[in-house]
PDB file of N, CA and C in Angstrom:
ATOM      1  N   MET A   1      20.663  10.832 -76.830  1.00  0.00           N
ATOM      2  CA  MET A   1      19.175  10.384 -76.433  1.00  0.00           C
ATOM      3  C   MET A   1      17.925  10.952 -76.927  1.00  0.00           C
ATOM      4  N   LYS A   2      17.919  12.098 -77.480  1.00  0.00           N
ATOM      5  CA  LYS A   2      17.086  12.636 -78.125  1.00  0.00           C
ATOM      6  C   LYS A   2      16.266  11.916 -79.329  1.00  0.00           C
ATOM      7  N   GLU A   3      17.107  11.394 -80.270  1.00  0.00           N
ATOM      8  CA  GLU A   3      16.719  10.779 -81.256  1.00  0.00           C
ATOM      9  C   GLU A   3      16.080   9.201 -80.807  1.00  0.00           C
ATOM     10  N   ARG A   4      16.430   8.582 -79.842  1.00  0.00           N
ATOM     11  CA  ARG A   4      16.538   7.351 -79.660  1.00  0.00           C
ATOM     12  C   ARG A   4      15.110   7.409 -78.703  1.00  0.00           C
ATOM     13  N   THR A   5      15.027   8.351 -77.903  1.00  0.00           N
ATOM     14  CA  THR A   5      13.674   8.754 -77.165  1.00  0.00           C
ATOM     15  C   THR A   5      12.276   8.853 -78.128  1.00  0.00           C
ATOM     16  N   PHE A   6      12.912   9.681 -79.382  1.00  0.00           N
ATOM     17  CA  PHE A   6      11.944   9.970 -80.267  1.00  0.00           C
ATOM     18  C   PHE A   6      11.360   8.798 -80.892  1.00  0.00           C
ATOM     19  N   LYS A   7      12.299   8.089 -81.468  1.00  0.00           N
ATOM     20  CA  LYS A   7      12.072   6.810 -81.913  1.00  0.00           C
ATOM     21  C   LYS A   7      11.179   6.087 -81.147  1.00  0.00           C
ATOM     22  N   PHE A   8      11.545   5.839 -79.728  1.00  0.00           N
ATOM     23  CA  PHE A   8      10.902   5.056 -78.912  1.00  0.00           C
ATOM     24  C   PHE A   8       9.344   5.663 -78.770  1.00  0.00           C
ATOM     25  N   ALA A   9       9.153   6.831 -78.720  1.00  0.00           N
ATOM     26  CA  ALA A   9       7.712   7.403 -78.918  1.00  0.00           C
ATOM     27  C   ALA A   9       6.993   7.232 -79.930  1.00  0.00           C
ATOM     28  N   LEU A  10       7.683   6.934 -81.265  1.00  0.00           N
ATOM     29  CA  LEU A  10       7.102   6.713 -82.493  1.00  0.00           C
ATOM     30  C   LEU A  10       6.712   5.204 -82.252  1.00  0.00           C
ATOM     31  N   ASP A  11       7.486   4.410 -81.902  1.00  0.00           N
ATOM     32  CA  ASP A  11       7.299   2.906 -81.691  1.00  0.00           C
ATOM     33  C   ASP A  11       5.925   2.672 -80.690  1.00  0.00           C
ATOM     34  N   ILE A  12       5.877   3.585 -79.597  1.00  0.00           N
ATOM     35  CA  ILE A  12       4.548   3.478 -78.620  1.00  0.00           C
ATOM     36  C   ILE A  12       3.560   3.835 -79.503  1.00  0.00           C
ATOM     37  N   LEU A  13       3.284   4.917 -80.309  1.00  0.00           N
ATOM     38  CA  LEU A  13       2.340   5.288 -81.263  1.00  0.00           C
ATOM     39  C   LEU A  13       2.057   3.776 -82.064  1.00  0.00           C
ATOM     40  N   ASP A  14       2.929   3.288 -82.643  1.00  0.00           N
ATOM     41  CA  ASP A  14       2.507   2.199 -83.460  1.00  0.00           C
ATOM     42  C   ASP A  14       1.871   1.033 -82.447  1.00  0.00           C
ATOM     43  N   ILE A  15       2.548   0.664 -81.452  1.00  0.00           N
ATOM     44  CA  ILE A  15       1.868  -0.210 -80.572  1.00  0.00           C
ATOM     45  C   ILE A  15       0.338   0.191 -80.402  1.00  0.00           C
ATOM     46  N   SER A  16       0.279   1.266 -79.797  1.00  0.00           N
ATOM     47  CA  SER A  16      -1.143   1.709 -79.497  1.00  0.00           C
ATOM     48  C   SER A  16      -2.352   1.651 -80.791  1.00  0.00           C
ATOM     49  N   ALA A  17      -1.545   1.894 -81.805  1.00  0.00           N
ATOM     50  CA  ALA A  17      -2.431   1.294 -82.960  1.00  0.00           C
ATOM     51  C   ALA A  17      -2.896   0.230 -82.790  1.00  0.00           C
ATOM     52  N   LEU A  18      -2.305  -0.870 -82.556  1.00  0.00           N
ATOM     53  CA  LEU A  18      -2.280  -2.409 -82.567  1.00  0.00           C
ATOM     54  C   LEU A  18      -3.220  -2.833 -81.657  1.00  0.00           C
ATOM     55  N   LEU A  19      -3.510  -1.860 -80.480  1.00  0.00           N
ATOM     56  CA  LEU A  19      -4.603  -2.585 -79.454  1.00  0.00           C
ATOM     57  C   LEU A  19      -5.983  -2.376 -79.992  1.00  0.00           C
ATOM     58  N   PRO A  20      -6.632  -3.617 -79.430  1.00  0.00           N
ATOM     59  CA  PRO A  20      -8.035  -3.440 -79.849  1.00  0.00           C
ATOM     60  C   PRO A  20      -8.918  -2.085 -79.559  1.00  0.00           C
ATOM     61  N   ARG A  21      -9.972  -1.981 -80.124  1.00  0.00           N
ATOM     62  CA  ARG A  21     -10.890  -0.697 -79.853  1.00  0.00           C
ATOM     63  C   ARG A  21     -11.971  -1.435 -78.731  1.00  0.00           C
ATOM     64  N   ASN A  22     -11.754  -1.255 -77.361  1.00  0.00           N
ATOM     65  CA  ASN A  22     -12.672  -1.188 -76.575  1.00  0.00           C
ATOM     66  C   ASN A  22     -12.545  -0.398 -75.202  1.00  0.00           C
ATOM     67  N   LEU A  23     -13.443  -0.177 -74.340  1.00  0.00           N
ATOM     68  CA  LEU A  23     -12.954   0.504 -73.213  1.00  0.00           C
ATOM     69  C   LEU A  23     -11.929   0.432 -72.432  1.00  0.00           C
ATOM     70  N   GLU A  24     -11.723  -0.746 -72.270  1.00  0.00           N
ATOM     71  CA  GLU A  24     -10.624  -1.278 -71.393  1.00  0.00           C
ATOM     72  C   GLU A  24      -9.122  -0.864 -72.127  1.00  0.00           C
ATOM     73  N   SER A  25      -8.993  -1.352 -73.053  1.00  0.00           N
ATOM     74  CA  SER A  25      -8.072  -1.232 -73.970  1.00  0.00           C
ATOM     75  C   SER A  25      -7.665   0.363 -74.562  1.00  0.00           C
ATOM     76  N   ASP A  26      -8.655   1.225 -74.475  1.00  0.00           N
ATOM     77  CA  ASP A  26      -8.676   2.366 -74.984  1.00  0.00           C
ATOM     78  C   ASP A  26      -7.812   3.101 -73.476  1.00  0.00           C
ATOM     79  N   ILE A  27      -8.305   2.804 -72.338  1.00  0.00           N
ATOM     80  CA  ILE A  27      -7.837   3.307 -71.083  1.00  0.00           C
ATOM     81  C   ILE A  27      -6.349   2.919 -70.948  1.00  0.00           C
ATOM     82  N   ILE A  28      -5.909   1.832 -71.354  1.00  0.00           N
ATOM     83  CA  ILE A  28      -4.498   1.407 -71.400  1.00  0.00           C
ATOM     84  C   ILE A  28      -3.666   2.139 -72.359  1.00  0.00           C
ATOM     85  N   ARG A  29      -4.165   2.270 -73.591  1.00  0.00           N
ATOM     86  CA  ARG A  29      -3.744   3.061 -74.823  1.00  0.00           C
ATOM     87  C   ARG A  29      -3.589   4.261 -74.234  1.00  0.00           C
ATOM     88  N   LYS A  30      -4.326   4.993 -73.563  1.00  0.00           N
ATOM     89  CA  LYS A  30      -4.185   6.424 -73.148  1.00  0.00           C
ATOM     90  C   LYS A  30      -2.965   6.566 -72.423  1.00  0.00           C
ATOM     91  N   GLN A  31      -2.889   5.836 -71.390  1.00  0.00           N
ATOM     92  CA  GLN A  31      -1.870   5.724 -70.399  1.00  0.00           C
ATOM     93  C   GLN A  31      -0.439   5.486 -71.146  1.00  0.00           C
ATOM     94  N   LEU A  32      -0.549   4.385 -71.783  1.00  0.00           N
ATOM     95  CA  LEU A  32       0.968   4.117 -72.580  1.00  0.00           C
ATOM     96  C   LEU A  32       1.381   5.198 -73.408  1.00  0.00           C
ATOM     97  N   VAL A  33       0.450   5.950 -74.181  1.00  0.00           N
ATOM     98  CA  VAL A  33       0.812   7.169 -75.095  1.00  0.00           C
ATOM     99  C   VAL A  33       1.290   8.140 -74.290  1.00  0.00           C
ATOM    100  N   ARG A  34       0.600   8.489 -73.131  1.00  0.00           N
ATOM    101  CA  ARG A  34       0.885   9.454 -72.302  1.00  0.00           C
ATOM    102  C   ARG A  34       2.342   9.316 -71.815  1.00  0.00           C
ATOM    103  N   SER A  35       2.518   8.120 -70.951  1.00  0.00           N
ATOM    104  CA  SER A  35       3.789   7.921 -70.417  1.00  0.00           C
ATOM    105  C   SER A  35       4.863   7.633 -71.340  1.00  0.00           C
ATOM    106  N   GLY A  36       4.762   6.897 -72.623  1.00  0.00           N
ATOM    107  CA  GLY A  36       5.564   6.578 -73.457  1.00  0.00           C
ATOM    108  C   GLY A  36       6.214   7.913 -74.448  1.00  0.00           C
ATOM    109  N   THR A  37       5.243   8.678 -74.476  1.00  0.00           N
ATOM    110  CA  THR A  37       5.874  10.006 -75.277  1.00  0.00           C
ATOM    111  C   THR A  37       6.392  10.976 -74.493  1.00  0.00           C
ATOM    112  N   SER A  38       5.951  10.826 -72.922  1.00  0.00           N
ATOM    113  CA  SER A  38       6.732  11.843 -72.110  1.00  0.00           C
ATOM    114  C   SER A  38       8.098  11.571 -71.724  1.00  0.00           C
ATOM    115  N   VAL A  39       8.632  10.271 -71.968  1.00  0.00           N
ATOM    116  CA  VAL A  39      10.165  10.102 -71.612  1.00  0.00           C
ATOM    117  C   VAL A  39      10.765  10.850 -72.688  1.00  0.00           C
ATOM    118  N   GLY A  40      10.632  10.938 -73.770  1.00  0.00           N
ATOM    119  CA  GLY A  40      11.094  11.954 -74.711  1.00  0.00           C
ATOM    120  C   GLY A  40      10.996  13.276 -74.508  1.00  0.00           C
ATOM    121  N   ALA A  41       9.765  13.842 -74.289  1.00  0.00           N
ATOM    122  CA  ALA A  41       9.631  15.040 -74.023  1.00  0.00           C
ATOM    123  C   ALA A  41      10.220  15.722 -73.094  1.00  0.00           C
ATOM    124  N   ASN A  42      10.345  14.868 -71.731  1.00  0.00           N
ATOM    125  CA  ASN A  42      11.420  15.428 -70.824  1.00  0.00           C
ATOM    126  C   ASN A  42      12.824  15.334 -71.295  1.00  0.00           C
ATOM    127  N   ILE A  43      13.124  14.694 -72.075  1.00  0.00           N
ATOM    128  CA  ILE A  43      14.523  14.595 -72.419  1.00  0.00           C
ATOM    129  C   ILE A  43      14.928  15.949 -73.223  1.00  0.00           C
ATOM    130  N   GLU A  44      13.905  16.147 -73.929  1.00  0.00           N
ATOM    131  CA  GLU A  44      14.088  17.263 -74.622  1.00  0.00           C
ATOM    132  C   GLU A  44      14.189  18.708 -73.846  1.00  0.00           C
ATOM    133  N   GLU A  45      13.587  18.726 -72.469  1.00  0.00           N
ATOM    134  CA  GLU A  45      13.512  19.697 -71.674  1.00  0.00           C
ATOM    135  C   GLU A  45      14.981  19.566 -71.035  1.00  0.00           C
ATOM    136  N   VAL A  46      15.639  18.612 -70.787  1.00  0.00           N
ATOM    137  CA  VAL A  46      16.959  18.230 -70.573  1.00  0.00           C
ATOM    138  C   VAL A  46      18.020  19.555 -71.063  1.00  0.00           C
ATOM    139  N   ASP A  47      17.709  19.441 -72.414  1.00  0.00           N
ATOM    140  CA  ASP A  47      18.676  20.359 -73.236  1.00  0.00           C
ATOM    141  C   ASP A  47      18.486  21.875 -72.692  1.00  0.00           C
ATOM    142  N   GLY A  48      17.227  22.303 -71.959  1.00  0.00           N
ATOM    143  CA  GLY A  48      17.563  23.575 -71.645  1.00  0.00           C
ATOM    144  C   GLY A  48      17.428  24.086 -70.144  1.00  0.00           C
ATOM    145  N   VAL A  49      17.835  23.014 -69.329  1.00  0.00           N
ATOM    146  CA  VAL A  49      17.848  23.346 -67.963  1.00  0.00           C
ATOM    147  C   VAL A  49      19.169  24.051 -67.629  1.00  0.00           C
ATOM    148  N   LEU A  50      18.902  25.057 -66.384  1.00  0.00           N
ATOM    149  CA  LEU A  50      19.946  25.963 -65.993  1.00  0.00           C
ATOM    150  C   LEU A  50      20.660  25.375 -65.012  1.00  0.00           C
ATOM    151  N   THR A  51      20.360  24.416 -64.235  1.00  0.00           N
ATOM    152  CA  THR A  51      21.117  23.962 -62.897  1.00  0.00           C
ATOM    153  C   THR A  51      21.191  22.332 -62.848  1.00  0.00           C
ATOM    154  N   LYS A  52      22.157  22.074 -62.094  1.00  0.00           N
ATOM    155  CA  LYS A  52      22.332  20.560 -61.887  1.00  0.00           C
ATOM    156  C   LYS A  52      21.192  19.766 -61.467  1.00  0.00           C
ATOM    157  N   ALA A  53      20.654  20.250 -60.252  1.00  0.00           N
ATOM    158  CA  ALA A  53      19.196  20.102 -59.573  1.00  0.00           C
ATOM    159  C   ALA A  53      18.396  19.839 -60.681  1.00  0.00           C
ATOM    160  N   ASP A  54      18.166  20.996 -61.590  1.00  0.00           N
ATOM    161  CA  ASP A  54      17.129  20.747 -62.652  1.00  0.00           C
ATOM    162  C   ASP A  54      17.013  19.522 -63.874  1.00  0.00           C
ATOM    163  N   PHE A  55      18.372  19.481 -63.889  1.00  0.00           N
ATOM    164  CA  PHE A  55      19.077  18.240 -64.874  1.00  0.00           C
ATOM    165  C   PHE A  55      18.581  17.066 -64.247  1.00  0.00           C
ATOM    166  N   ILE A  56      19.009  16.553 -63.196  1.00  0.00           N
ATOM    167  CA  ILE A  56      18.876  15.734 -62.448  1.00  0.00           C
ATOM    168  C   ILE A  56      17.059  15.575 -62.478  1.00  0.00           C
ATOM    169  N   ASN A  57      16.387  16.509 -61.956  1.00  0.00           N
ATOM    170  CA  ASN A  57      14.972  16.556 -61.836  1.00  0.00           C
ATOM    171  C   ASN A  57      14.228  16.100 -63.166  1.00  0.00           C
ATOM    172  N   LYS A  58      14.554  16.574 -64.127  1.00  0.00           N
ATOM    173  CA  LYS A  58      14.289  16.458 -65.695  1.00  0.00           C
ATOM    174  C   LYS A  58      14.529  14.895 -65.931  1.00  0.00           C
ATOM    175  N   LEU A  59      15.580  14.097 -65.890  1.00  0.00           N
ATOM    176  CA  LEU A  59      15.980  12.782 -65.815  1.00  0.00           C
ATOM    177  C   LEU A  59      15.267  11.889 -65.083  1.00  0.00           C
ATOM    178  N   ALA A  60      15.145  12.469 -63.835  1.00  0.00           N
ATOM    179  CA  ALA A  60      14.171  11.534 -62.895  1.00  0.00           C
ATOM    180  C   ALA A  60      12.955  11.594 -63.390  1.00  0.00           C
ATOM    181  N   ILE A  61      12.494  12.458 -63.729  1.00  0.00           N
ATOM    182  CA  ILE A  61      11.123  12.439 -64.269  1.00  0.00           C
ATOM    183  C   ILE A  61      10.780  11.430 -65.723  1.00  0.00           C
ATOM    184  N   SER A  62      12.033  11.528 -66.491  1.00  0.00           N
ATOM    185  CA  SER A  62      12.015  10.578 -67.519  1.00  0.00           C
ATOM    186  C   SER A  62      12.005   9.235 -67.162  1.00  0.00           C
ATOM    187  N   ARG A  63      12.970   8.847 -66.115  1.00  0.00           N
ATOM    188  CA  ARG A  63      13.063   7.480 -65.586  1.00  0.00           C
ATOM    189  C   ARG A  63      11.381   7.120 -65.184  1.00  0.00           C
ATOM    190  N   LYS A  64      11.033   7.985 -64.089  1.00  0.00           N
ATOM    191  CA  LYS A  64       9.687   7.464 -63.758  1.00  0.00           C
ATOM    192  C   LYS A  64       8.576   6.997 -64.843  1.00  0.00           C
ATOM    193  N   GLU A  65       8.659   8.101 -65.937  1.00  0.00           N
ATOM    194  CA  GLU A  65       7.911   8.004 -66.891  1.00  0.00           C
ATOM    195  C   GLU A  65       7.988   6.462 -67.684  1.00  0.00           C
ATOM    196  N   ALA A  66       9.541   6.356 -67.891  1.00  0.00           N
ATOM    197  CA  ALA A  66       9.752   5.008 -68.511  1.00  0.00           C
ATOM    198  C   ALA A  66       9.462   3.856 -67.694  1.00  0.00           C
ATOM    199  N   LYS A  67       9.418   3.802 -66.277  1.00  0.00           N
ATOM    200  CA  LYS A  67       9.154   2.726 -65.496  1.00  0.00           C
ATOM    201  C   LYS A  67       7.587   2.408 -65.557  1.00  0.00           C
ATOM    202  N   GLU A  68       6.792   3.415 -65.636  1.00  0.00           N
ATOM    203  CA  GLU A  68       5.572   3.492 -66.006  1.00  0.00           C
ATOM    204  C   GLU A  68       5.190   2.743 -67.303  1.00  0.00           C
ATOM    205  N   THR A  69       5.969   3.342 -68.317  1.00  0.00           N
ATOM    206  CA  THR A  69       5.741   2.947 -69.710  1.00  0.00           C
ATOM    207  C   THR A  69       5.870   1.391 -69.627  1.00  0.00           C
ATOM    208  N   LYS A  70       6.957   0.788 -68.968  1.00  0.00           N
ATOM    209  CA  LYS A  70       7.318  -0.432 -68.837  1.00  0.00           C
ATOM    210  C   LYS A  70       6.258  -1.172 -68.286  1.00  0.00           C
ATOM    211  N   TYR A  71       5.473  -0.788 -67.334  1.00  0.00           N
ATOM    212  CA  TYR A  71       4.485  -1.511 -66.814  1.00  0.00           C
ATOM    213  C   TYR A  71       3.310  -1.376 -67.819  1.00  0.00           C
ATOM    214  N   TRP A  72       2.849  -0.361 -68.591  1.00  0.00           N
ATOM    215  CA  TRP A  72       1.838  -0.653 -69.365  1.00  0.00           C
ATOM    216  C   TRP A  72       2.202  -1.665 -70.672  1.00  0.00           C
ATOM    217  N   LEU A  73       3.457  -1.654 -70.812  1.00  0.00           N
ATOM    218  CA  LEU A  73       3.843  -2.530 -72.112  1.00  0.00           C
ATOM    219  C   LEU A  73       3.885  -4.233 -71.584  1.00  0.00           C
ATOM    220  N   SER A  74       4.064  -4.292 -70.145  1.00  0.00           N
ATOM    221  CA  SER A  74       4.202  -5.499 -69.737  1.00  0.00           C
ATOM    222  C   SER A  74       2.550  -6.064 -69.528  1.00  0.00           C
ATOM    223  N   ILE A  75       1.503  -5.025 -69.411  1.00  0.00           N
ATOM    224  CA  ILE A  75       0.128  -5.524 -69.571  1.00  0.00           C
ATOM    225  C   ILE A  75      -0.374  -5.769 -70.785  1.00  0.00           C
ATOM    226  N   ILE A  76       0.409  -4.800 -71.716  1.00  0.00           N
ATOM    227  CA  ILE A  76      -0.271  -5.273 -73.206  1.00  0.00           C
ATOM    228  C   ILE A  76       0.301  -6.866 -73.539  1.00  0.00           C
ATOM    229  N   LYS A  77       1.711  -6.804 -73.438  1.00  0.00           N
ATOM    230  CA  LYS A  77       2.301  -8.055 -73.698  1.00  0.00           C
ATOM    231  C   LYS A  77       1.434  -9.370 -73.104  1.00  0.00           C
ATOM    232  N   ALA A  78       1.356  -9.117 -71.763  1.00  0.00           N
ATOM    233  CA  ALA A  78       0.460 -10.410 -71.076  1.00  0.00           C
ATOM    234  C   ALA A  78      -1.192 -10.609 -71.551  1.00  0.00           C
ATOM    235  N   LYS A  79      -1.624  -9.352 -71.971  1.00  0.00           N
ATOM    236  CA  LYS A  79      -3.276  -9.497 -72.015  1.00  0.00           C
ATOM    237  C   LYS A  79      -3.466  -9.215 -73.596  1.00  0.00           C
ATOM    238  N   TYR A  80      -2.803  -8.458 -74.518  1.00  0.00           N
ATOM    239  CA  TYR A  80      -3.426  -8.199 -75.805  1.00  0.00           C
ATOM    240  C   TYR A  80      -2.558  -8.438 -77.116  1.00  0.00           C
ATOM    241  N   LEU A  81      -1.203  -8.356 -76.766  1.00  0.00           N
ATOM    242  CA  LEU A  81      -0.375  -8.300 -78.169  1.00  0.00           C
ATOM    243  C   LEU A  81       0.994  -9.463 -77.659  1.00  0.00           C
ATOM    244  N   LYS A  82       1.131 -10.558 -78.439  1.00  0.00           N
ATOM    245  CA  LYS A  82       2.369 -11.070 -78.268  1.00  0.00           C
ATOM    246  C   LYS A  82       3.059 -10.746 -79.619  1.00  0.00           C
ATOM    247  N   HIS A  83       3.697  -9.577 -79.717  1.00  0.00           N
ATOM    248  CA  HIS A  83       4.295  -8.867 -80.919  1.00  0.00           C
ATOM    249  C   HIS A  83       5.537  -8.459 -80.738  1.00  0.00           C
ATOM    250  N   GLU A  84       6.578  -8.504 -81.757  1.00  0.00           N
ATOM    251  CA  GLU A  84       7.750  -8.312 -81.713  1.00  0.00           C
ATOM    252  C   GLU A  84       8.135  -6.993 -81.424  1.00  0.00           C
ATOM    253  N   LYS A  85       6.957  -5.991 -81.717  1.00  0.00           N
ATOM    254  CA  LYS A  85       7.267  -4.594 -81.778  1.00  0.00           C
ATOM    255  C   LYS A  85       7.059  -4.328 -79.804  1.00  0.00           C
ATOM    256  N   VAL A  86       6.456  -4.947 -79.168  1.00  0.00           N
ATOM    257  CA  VAL A  86       6.164  -4.985 -77.756  1.00  0.00           C
ATOM    258  C   VAL A  86       7.368  -5.451 -77.151  1.00  0.00           C
ATOM    259  N   ASP A  87       7.885  -6.443 -77.698  1.00  0.00           N
ATOM    260  CA  ASP A  87       9.171  -7.111 -76.878  1.00  0.00           C
ATOM    261  C   ASP A  87      10.221  -6.142 -77.332  1.00  0.00           C
ATOM    262  N   PHE A  88      10.470  -5.433 -78.349  1.00  0.00           N
ATOM    263  CA  PHE A  88      11.268  -4.460 -78.799  1.00  0.00           C
ATOM    264  C   PHE A  88      11.306  -3.501 -77.952  1.00  0.00           C
ATOM    265  N   ALA A  89       9.858  -2.974 -77.709  1.00  0.00           N
ATOM    266  CA  ALA A  89       9.724  -1.621 -76.940  1.00  0.00           C
ATOM    267  C   ALA A  89      10.303  -1.986 -75.289  1.00  0.00           C
ATOM    268  N   ILE A  90       9.836  -3.079 -74.907  1.00  0.00           N
ATOM    269  CA  ILE A  90      10.266  -3.508 -73.517  1.00  0.00           C
ATOM    270  C   ILE A  90      11.606  -3.790 -73.211  1.00  0.00           C
ATOM    271  N   ASN A  91      12.259  -4.111 -74.259  1.00  0.00           N
ATOM    272  CA  ASN A  91      13.828  -4.284 -73.998  1.00  0.00           C
ATOM    273  C   ASN A  91      14.527  -2.574 -74.217  1.00  0.00           C
ATOM    274  N   GLU A  92      13.955  -2.087 -75.068  1.00  0.00           N
ATOM    275  CA  GLU A  92      14.275  -0.499 -75.238  1.00  0.00           C
ATOM    276  C   GLU A  92      14.237   0.340 -74.020  1.00  0.00           C
ATOM    277  N   ILE A  93      12.779   0.173 -73.198  1.00  0.00           N
ATOM    278  CA  ILE A  93      12.583   0.865 -72.286  1.00  0.00           C
ATOM    279  C   ILE A  93      13.625   0.432 -71.047  1.00  0.00           C
ATOM    280  N   LEU A  94      13.461  -0.793 -70.854  1.00  0.00           N
ATOM    281  CA  LEU A  94      14.769  -1.127 -69.907  1.00  0.00           C
ATOM    282  C   LEU A  94      16.146  -0.545 -69.881  1.00  0.00           C
ATOM    283  N   GLU A  95      16.533  -0.689 -71.243  1.00  0.00           N
ATOM    284  CA  GLU A  95      17.837  -0.097 -71.511  1.00  0.00           C
ATOM    285  C   GLU A  95      17.909   1.677 -71.196  1.00  0.00           C
ATOM    286  N   LEU A  96      16.769   2.235 -71.633  1.00  0.00           N
ATOM    287  CA  LEU A  96      16.726   3.471 -71.238  1.00  0.00           C
ATOM    288  C   LEU A  96      16.540   4.101 -69.783  1.00  0.00           C
ATOM    289  N   ILE A  97      15.932   3.038 -69.221  1.00  0.00           N
ATOM    290  CA  ILE A  97      15.797   3.262 -67.382  1.00  0.00           C
ATOM    291  C   ILE A  97      17.544   2.966 -66.771  1.00  0.00           C
ATOM    292  N   LYS A  98      18.256   1.971 -67.323  1.00  0.00           N
ATOM    293  CA  LYS A  98      19.546   2.006 -66.986  1.00  0.00           C
ATOM    294  C   LYS A  98      20.307   2.895 -67.140  1.00  0.00           C
ATOM    295  N   ILE A  99      19.892   3.479 -68.335  1.00  0.00           N
ATOM    296  CA  ILE A  99      20.911   4.780 -68.857  1.00  0.00           C
ATOM    297  C   ILE A  99      20.600   6.012 -68.022  1.00  0.00           C
ATOM    298  N   PHE A 100      19.254   6.474 -67.750  1.00  0.00           N
ATOM    299  CA  PHE A 100      19.111   7.496 -66.822  1.00  0.00           C
ATOM    300  C   PHE A 100      19.325   7.066 -65.627  1.00  0.00           C
ATOM    301  N   SER A 101      19.450   6.069 -65.242  1.00  0.00           N
ATOM    302  CA  SER A 101      19.646   5.552 -63.884  1.00  0.00           C
ATOM    303  C   SER A 101      21.266   5.978 -63.627  1.00  0.00           C
ATOM    304  N   SER A 102      22.025   5.461 -64.660  1.00  0.00           N
ATOM    305  CA  SER A 102      23.403   5.647 -64.402  1.00  0.00           C
ATOM    306  C   SER A 102      23.766   7.256 -64.453  1.00  0.00           C
ATOM    307  N   ILE A 103      23.092   7.742 -65.477  1.00  0.00           N
ATOM    308  CA  ILE A 103      23.599   9.295 -65.551  1.00  0.00           C
ATOM    309  C   ILE A 103      23.113  10.049 -64.286  1.00  0.00           C
ATOM    310  N   ILE A 104      22.031   9.912 -63.852  1.00  0.00           N
ATOM    311  CA  ILE A 104      21.563  10.567 -62.190  1.00  0.00           C
ATOM    312  C   ILE A 104      22.331  10.241 -61.295  1.00  0.00           C
ATOM    313  N   ASN A 105      22.884   8.761 -61.059  1.00  0.00           N
ATOM    314  CA  ASN A 105      23.842   8.272 -60.112  1.00  0.00           C
ATOM    315  C   ASN A 105      25.304   9.084 -60.330  1.00  0.00           C
ATOM    316  N   LYS A 106      25.571   9.337 -61.474  1.00  0.00           N
ATOM    317  CA  LYS A 106      26.956   9.761 -61.743  1.00  0.00           C
ATOM    318  C   LYS A 106      27.059  11.481 -61.615  1.00  0.00           C
ATOM    319  N   THR A 107      25.754  12.005 -61.801  1.00  0.00           N
ATOM    320  CA  THR A 107      25.567  13.404 -61.754  1.00  0.00           C
ATOM    321  C   THR A 107      25.313  13.968 -60.163  1.00  0.00           C
ATOM    322  N   ARG A 108      24.980  13.111 -59.365  1.00  0.00           N
ATOM    323  CA  ARG A 108      24.876  13.444 -57.935  1.00  0.00           C
ATOM    324  C   ARG A 108      25.746  13.843 -57.262  1.00  0.00           C
TER     325      ARG A 108
END
């Protein structure tokens, strides 16, 4: 998961660089970068947890950030970019959400 979420973060940075430079898209870019890179950052933290509850909490945070990232990617696709990178990122984040949900449900 670490490698996959790291690559996803890099893809998010690539997408953010494709957005136009104006006030509206700058706000969306910041939100996308914050949530999209947070997915992997929280997965990194999962590696050092001490309890089952902390494990579930970190995965739940990653899932929450993934859902927010999906939202921003959907806005970008609808308003700014009809680009294969955006489509790939949406598909990837949907898969990650499913994986996180499955692990959370099995761990509880």
